[in-house]
């Protein structure tokens, strides 16, 4: 799986005083580190009636995707099967990383093995076996837009990566 990172840009946020200069924008390495080390990820999905649903999950960031497990019968599991649009937010409001993307069920055996292994290393003694959990599904979040900033210097650090523009090239 190849993961190409688009060039950073400034997010369009009228009236927030976002700098127009390249200087001060966050790096993808910083975002990657935040996503790897996070313990909890807030997953936003859409209910069948159009209402929002948010739930925290454990997850692992691998090769440009966030992976997490969910019961097939859970609200978020049912939501994401019906509508794959998803938002992910890390816990911090001070060191912000937000992913807007698409959820995809993971079915590849080698990827499921890798997810289980990394989960076990990150969250001991939890050691899932995705290949033997028919009640669960494992989701990979494919980023379309990633936003990041440091609250203490929001106007100068606000940065956006638009993965959708890569698809159009």
C-alpha atoms as a PDB file:
ATOM      1  CA  UNK A   1       0.000   0.000   0.000  1.00  0.00           C
ATOM      2  CA  UNK A   2       1.527   3.312  -1.027  1.00  0.00           C
ATOM      3  CA  UNK A   3       0.824   6.448   0.913  1.00  0.00           C
ATOM      4  CA  UNK A   4       1.498   9.741  -0.823  1.00  0.00           C
ATOM      5  CA  UNK A   5       1.352  12.876   1.295  1.00  0.00           C
ATOM      6  CA  UNK A   6       0.060  16.032  -0.387  1.00  0.00           C
ATOM      7  CA  UNK A   7       1.730  19.376   0.123  1.00  0.00           C
ATOM      8  CA  UNK A   8       0.560  21.232   3.230  1.00  0.00           C
ATOM      9  CA  UNK A   9      -1.641  24.251   2.755  1.00  0.00           C
ATOM     10  CA  UNK A  10      -3.549  26.672   4.910  1.00  0.00           C
ATOM     11  CA  UNK A  11      -7.134  25.713   5.760  1.00  0.00           C
ATOM     12  CA  UNK A  12      -9.918  28.000   4.602  1.00  0.00           C
ATOM     13  CA  UNK A  13     -11.333  29.400   7.856  1.00  0.00           C
ATOM     14  CA  UNK A  14     -12.705  32.895   7.248  1.00  0.00           C
ATOM     15  CA  UNK A  15     -12.568  35.325  10.174  1.00  0.00           C
ATOM     16  CA  UNK A  16     -10.079  33.235  12.208  1.00  0.00           C
ATOM     17  CA  UNK A  17      -6.952  35.186  11.240  1.00  0.00           C
ATOM     18  CA  UNK A  18      -5.203  32.205   9.672  1.00  0.00           C
ATOM     19  CA  UNK A  19      -1.743  33.166   8.461  1.00  0.00           C
ATOM     20  CA  UNK A  20      -1.198  33.158   4.710  1.00  0.00           C
ATOM     21  CA  UNK A  21       2.514  32.382   5.127  1.00  0.00           C
ATOM     22  CA  UNK A  22       4.007  28.937   4.755  1.00  0.00           C
ATOM     23  CA  UNK A  23       6.196  29.566   7.796  1.00  0.00           C
ATOM     24  CA  UNK A  24       4.803  28.021  10.973  1.00  0.00           C
ATOM     25  CA  UNK A  25       2.734  25.267   9.355  1.00  0.00           C
ATOM     26  CA  UNK A  26       3.000  21.874  11.003  1.00  0.00           C
ATOM     27  CA  UNK A  27       4.873  19.013   9.380  1.00  0.00           C
ATOM     28  CA  UNK A  28       3.429  15.672   8.362  1.00  0.00           C
ATOM     29  CA  UNK A  29       6.007  14.041  10.656  1.00  0.00           C
ATOM     30  CA  UNK A  30       4.413  15.857  13.612  1.00  0.00           C
ATOM     31  CA  UNK A  31       0.933  14.675  12.559  1.00  0.00           C
ATOM     32  CA  UNK A  32       2.177  11.122  12.017  1.00  0.00           C
ATOM     33  CA  UNK A  33       3.722  11.059  15.507  1.00  0.00           C
ATOM     34  CA  UNK A  34       0.483  12.304  17.110  1.00  0.00           C
ATOM     35  CA  UNK A  35      -1.538   9.653  15.286  1.00  0.00           C
ATOM     36  CA  UNK A  36       0.884   6.860  16.209  1.00  0.00           C
ATOM     37  CA  UNK A  37       1.141   7.704  19.905  1.00  0.00           C
ATOM     38  CA  UNK A  38      -2.514   8.555  20.580  1.00  0.00           C
ATOM     39  CA  UNK A  39      -4.275   6.179  22.940  1.00  0.00           C
ATOM     40  CA  UNK A  40      -7.880   7.088  22.101  1.00  0.00           C
ATOM     41  CA  UNK A  41      -9.432   8.278  18.866  1.00  0.00           C
ATOM     42  CA  UNK A  42     -12.877   9.868  18.657  1.00  0.00           C
ATOM     43  CA  UNK A  43     -14.804   8.447  15.703  1.00  0.00           C
ATOM     44  CA  UNK A  44     -17.628  10.521  14.227  1.00  0.00           C
ATOM     45  CA  UNK A  45     -20.169   8.770  12.021  1.00  0.00           C
ATOM     46  CA  UNK A  46     -23.696   9.398  10.758  1.00  0.00           C
ATOM     47  CA  UNK A  47     -26.821   7.644  12.014  1.00  0.00           C
ATOM     48  CA  UNK A  48     -29.410   6.384   9.500  1.00  0.00           C
ATOM     49  CA  UNK A  49     -31.629   9.379  10.356  1.00  0.00           C
ATOM     50  CA  UNK A  50     -28.749  11.774   9.543  1.00  0.00           C
ATOM     51  CA  UNK A  51     -27.911  12.501  13.173  1.00  0.00           C
ATOM     52  CA  UNK A  52     -24.334  12.525  14.416  1.00  0.00           C
ATOM     53  CA  UNK A  53     -22.735   9.770  16.489  1.00  0.00           C
ATOM     54  CA  UNK A  54     -19.363   9.985  18.230  1.00  0.00           C
ATOM     55  CA  UNK A  55     -17.533   7.273  20.162  1.00  0.00           C
ATOM     56  CA  UNK A  56     -13.974   6.803  21.448  1.00  0.00           C
ATOM     57  CA  UNK A  57     -12.003   3.786  20.241  1.00  0.00           C
ATOM     58  CA  UNK A  58      -8.543   2.325  20.555  1.00  0.00           C
ATOM     59  CA  UNK A  59      -6.745   2.184  17.240  1.00  0.00           C
ATOM     60  CA  UNK A  60      -3.450   1.916  15.422  1.00  0.00           C
ATOM     61  CA  UNK A  61      -1.984   4.206  12.778  1.00  0.00           C
ATOM     62  CA  UNK A  62      -0.244   2.177  10.065  1.00  0.00           C
ATOM     63  CA  UNK A  63       1.003   3.313   6.674  1.00  0.00           C
ATOM     64  CA  UNK A  64      -1.282   6.312   6.426  1.00  0.00           C
ATOM     65  CA  UNK A  65      -4.470   4.768   7.767  1.00  0.00           C
ATOM     66  CA  UNK A  66      -6.134   4.519  11.143  1.00  0.00           C
ATOM     67  CA  UNK A  67      -7.365   1.015  11.949  1.00  0.00           C
ATOM     68  CA  UNK A  68      -9.803   0.142  14.707  1.00  0.00           C
ATOM     69  CA  UNK A  69     -12.164  -2.664  15.599  1.00  0.00           C
ATOM     70  CA  UNK A  70     -15.856  -2.494  16.340  1.00  0.00           C
ATOM     71  CA  UNK A  71     -18.668  -4.897  16.966  1.00  0.00           C
ATOM     72  CA  UNK A  72     -20.732  -5.317  13.810  1.00  0.00           C
ATOM     73  CA  UNK A  73     -23.824  -4.610  15.896  1.00  0.00           C
ATOM     74  CA  UNK A  74     -22.543  -1.420  17.542  1.00  0.00           C
ATOM     75  CA  UNK A  75     -23.972   1.944  16.532  1.00  0.00           C
ATOM     76  CA  UNK A  76     -20.680   3.052  14.951  1.00  0.00           C
ATOM     77  CA  UNK A  77     -20.242  -0.295  13.183  1.00  0.00           C
ATOM     78  CA  UNK A  78     -23.718  -0.145  11.673  1.00  0.00           C
ATOM     79  CA  UNK A  79     -23.287   3.539  10.805  1.00  0.00           C
ATOM     80  CA  UNK A  80     -20.003   2.996   8.971  1.00  0.00           C
ATOM     81  CA  UNK A  81     -21.293  -0.014   7.038  1.00  0.00           C
ATOM     82  CA  UNK A  82     -24.254   2.080   5.832  1.00  0.00           C
ATOM     83  CA  UNK A  83     -22.341   5.343   5.276  1.00  0.00           C
ATOM     84  CA  UNK A  84     -18.530   5.228   5.122  1.00  0.00           C
ATOM     85  CA  UNK A  85     -18.004   8.940   5.735  1.00  0.00           C
ATOM     86  CA  UNK A  86     -16.052   9.312   8.974  1.00  0.00           C
ATOM     87  CA  UNK A  87     -14.300  11.919  11.071  1.00  0.00           C
ATOM     88  CA  UNK A  88     -11.509  11.105  13.522  1.00  0.00           C
ATOM     89  CA  UNK A  89     -10.313  13.475  16.236  1.00  0.00           C
ATOM     90  CA  UNK A  90      -7.567  12.880  18.744  1.00  0.00           C
ATOM     91  CA  UNK A  91      -8.237  13.580  22.413  1.00  0.00           C
ATOM     92  CA  UNK A  92      -6.379  16.864  22.654  1.00  0.00           C
ATOM     93  CA  UNK A  93      -7.891  20.218  21.866  1.00  0.00           C
ATOM     94  CA  UNK A  94      -4.437  21.759  22.348  1.00  0.00           C
ATOM     95  CA  UNK A  95      -2.505  19.603  19.873  1.00  0.00           C
ATOM     96  CA  UNK A  96      -5.198  19.010  17.292  1.00  0.00           C
ATOM     97  CA  UNK A  97      -5.313  16.384  14.553  1.00  0.00           C
ATOM     98  CA  UNK A  98      -8.559  15.785  12.674  1.00  0.00           C
ATOM     99  CA  UNK A  99      -9.053  13.295   9.846  1.00  0.00           C
ATOM    100  CA  UNK A 100     -11.988  13.534   7.470  1.00  0.00           C
ATOM    101  CA  UNK A 101     -12.164  10.398   5.404  1.00  0.00           C
ATOM    102  CA  UNK A 102     -13.770   7.189   4.293  1.00  0.00           C
ATOM    103  CA  UNK A 103     -14.119   4.002   6.333  1.00  0.00           C
ATOM    104  CA  UNK A 104     -13.397   0.703   4.635  1.00  0.00           C
ATOM    105  CA  UNK A 105     -13.771  -2.763   6.115  1.00  0.00           C
ATOM    106  CA  UNK A 106     -10.425  -4.584   6.230  1.00  0.00           C
ATOM    107  CA  UNK A 107     -10.619  -8.062   4.742  1.00  0.00           C
ATOM    108  CA  UNK A 108      -7.021  -8.800   3.713  1.00  0.00           C
ATOM    109  CA  UNK A 109      -5.648 -11.542   5.992  1.00  0.00           C
ATOM    110  CA  UNK A 110      -2.097 -10.180   6.199  1.00  0.00           C
ATOM    111  CA  UNK A 111      -3.342  -6.697   7.091  1.00  0.00           C
ATOM    112  CA  UNK A 112      -5.652  -8.140   9.770  1.00  0.00           C
ATOM    113  CA  UNK A 113      -2.713 -10.058  11.251  1.00  0.00           C
ATOM    114  CA  UNK A 114      -0.613  -6.897  11.265  1.00  0.00           C
ATOM    115  CA  UNK A 115      -3.396  -4.893  12.933  1.00  0.00           C
ATOM    116  CA  UNK A 116      -3.779  -7.545  15.664  1.00  0.00           C
ATOM    117  CA  UNK A 117      -0.029  -7.625  16.304  1.00  0.00           C
ATOM    118  CA  UNK A 118       0.316  -3.835  16.560  1.00  0.00           C
ATOM    119  CA  UNK A 119      -2.779  -3.609  18.795  1.00  0.00           C
ATOM    120  CA  UNK A 120      -1.229  -6.173  21.145  1.00  0.00           C
ATOM    121  CA  UNK A 121       2.014  -4.175  21.316  1.00  0.00           C
ATOM    122  CA  UNK A 122       0.238  -0.850  21.864  1.00  0.00           C
ATOM    123  CA  UNK A 123      -2.448  -1.913  24.363  1.00  0.00           C
ATOM    124  CA  UNK A 124      -1.110  -4.803  26.484  1.00  0.00           C
ATOM    125  CA  UNK A 125      -2.523  -7.098  27.745  1.00  0.00           C
ATOM    126  CA  UNK A 126      -5.238  -6.616  25.092  1.00  0.00           C
ATOM    127  CA  UNK A 127      -4.314  -8.915  22.232  1.00  0.00           C
ATOM    128  CA  UNK A 128      -7.079  -9.157  19.618  1.00  0.00           C
ATOM    129  CA  UNK A 129      -7.241 -11.847  16.976  1.00  0.00           C
ATOM    130  CA  UNK A 130      -9.079 -10.197  14.068  1.00  0.00           C
ATOM    131  CA  UNK A 131      -9.084 -13.449  12.094  1.00  0.00           C
ATOM    132  CA  UNK A 132     -11.127 -15.231  14.770  1.00  0.00           C
ATOM    133  CA  UNK A 133     -13.624 -12.553  15.802  1.00  0.00           C
ATOM    134  CA  UNK A 134     -16.623 -12.958  13.472  1.00  0.00           C
ATOM    135  CA  UNK A 135     -18.697 -10.599  15.644  1.00  0.00           C
ATOM    136  CA  UNK A 136     -16.250  -7.770  14.955  1.00  0.00           C
ATOM    137  CA  UNK A 137     -15.221  -5.834  11.935  1.00  0.00           C
ATOM    138  CA  UNK A 138     -11.972  -3.979  11.480  1.00  0.00           C
ATOM    139  CA  UNK A 139     -12.121  -0.603   9.810  1.00  0.00           C
ATOM    140  CA  UNK A 140      -9.422   1.314   7.975  1.00  0.00           C
ATOM    141  CA  UNK A 141      -9.915   5.070   7.711  1.00  0.00           C
ATOM    142  CA  UNK A 142      -8.648   6.448   4.415  1.00  0.00           C
ATOM    143  CA  UNK A 143      -7.835  10.153   4.873  1.00  0.00           C
ATOM    144  CA  UNK A 144      -9.349  12.636   2.451  1.00  0.00           C
ATOM    145  CA  UNK A 145      -8.508  15.778   4.436  1.00  0.00           C
ATOM    146  CA  UNK A 146      -6.316  16.112   7.516  1.00  0.00           C
ATOM    147  CA  UNK A 147      -6.291  19.247   9.664  1.00  0.00           C
ATOM    148  CA  UNK A 148      -3.825  20.012  12.438  1.00  0.00           C
ATOM    149  CA  UNK A 149      -2.843  22.910  14.676  1.00  0.00           C
ATOM    150  CA  UNK A 150      -1.459  23.903  18.034  1.00  0.00           C
ATOM    151  CA  UNK A 151      -4.055  25.806  20.038  1.00  0.00           C
ATOM    152  CA  UNK A 152      -1.399  28.055  21.613  1.00  0.00           C
ATOM    153  CA  UNK A 153      -0.523  29.390  18.143  1.00  0.00           C
ATOM    154  CA  UNK A 154      -3.596  28.449  16.117  1.00  0.00           C
ATOM    155  CA  UNK A 155      -3.477  31.155  13.401  1.00  0.00           C
ATOM    156  CA  UNK A 156       0.164  30.378  12.560  1.00  0.00           C
ATOM    157  CA  UNK A 157       0.148  26.575  12.867  1.00  0.00           C
ATOM    158  CA  UNK A 158      -3.196  25.708  11.252  1.00  0.00           C
ATOM    159  CA  UNK A 159      -2.333  23.296   8.453  1.00  0.00           C
ATOM    160  CA  UNK A 160      -4.347  21.201   6.003  1.00  0.00           C
ATOM    161  CA  UNK A 161      -3.456  18.244   3.798  1.00  0.00           C
ATOM    162  CA  UNK A 162      -5.949  17.557   1.016  1.00  0.00           C
ATOM    163  CA  UNK A 163      -5.653  13.940  -0.139  1.00  0.00           C
ATOM    164  CA  UNK A 164      -8.634  14.329  -2.458  1.00  0.00           C
ATOM    165  CA  UNK A 165      -6.560  16.509  -4.805  1.00  0.00           C
ATOM    166  CA  UNK A 166      -4.109  13.606  -5.235  1.00  0.00           C
ATOM    167  CA  UNK A 167      -6.926  11.437  -6.573  1.00  0.00           C
ATOM    168  CA  UNK A 168      -7.637  14.014  -9.275  1.00  0.00           C
ATOM    169  CA  UNK A 169      -4.075  14.105 -10.640  1.00  0.00           C
END
